[in-house]
């Protein structure tokens, strides 16, 4: 499923370009987790950060514009932190990007990521099921993954980063 993998010489770096589909997203779980464990992270941290990569990739598939550019995943393990970055093309209509920015801002404004996570769970539980837009995945990244979220938009590409401080 993965159609392009960077041949980085550093085993603490994983760079992939994926087609914007669900099979590709599922296929990278083991690659991410294995790389994180080989880089010296304990299994529970590797699992949490593989989940972070999975959540960000799922958002890129759900809300991205797709196209030949694919979705780029970068995972870097450094002495003091681990950074997961997912870059995907977004469409001309910036409704999703604005909603995404608002969600990240709400999570960042909460003094405790647990509170943001519980709030999202409660809001999801009160609404009838509707695919997408719950913001639960982002809250999960902040709380379960213990990551700080950020993003940037440049020339039609949304780059979303999650940074875990070791």
Foldseek 3Di string as FASTA:
>chain_A
DFDDWDPDPDLQKTKTFHALDDVRLVVCLCVQLVSVVVVPDPNLLSNLVSLLLSLVSPCCSVAAPTDPRGKMWMWGDDDFKIKIKIKGFGDPPCPVVVLVVVLLVVCVPDPALVVVLVVLVVVCVVDDDDPDDSSNSVSCCCHSNVWRWDWDDDPRMIMIMTMHTD
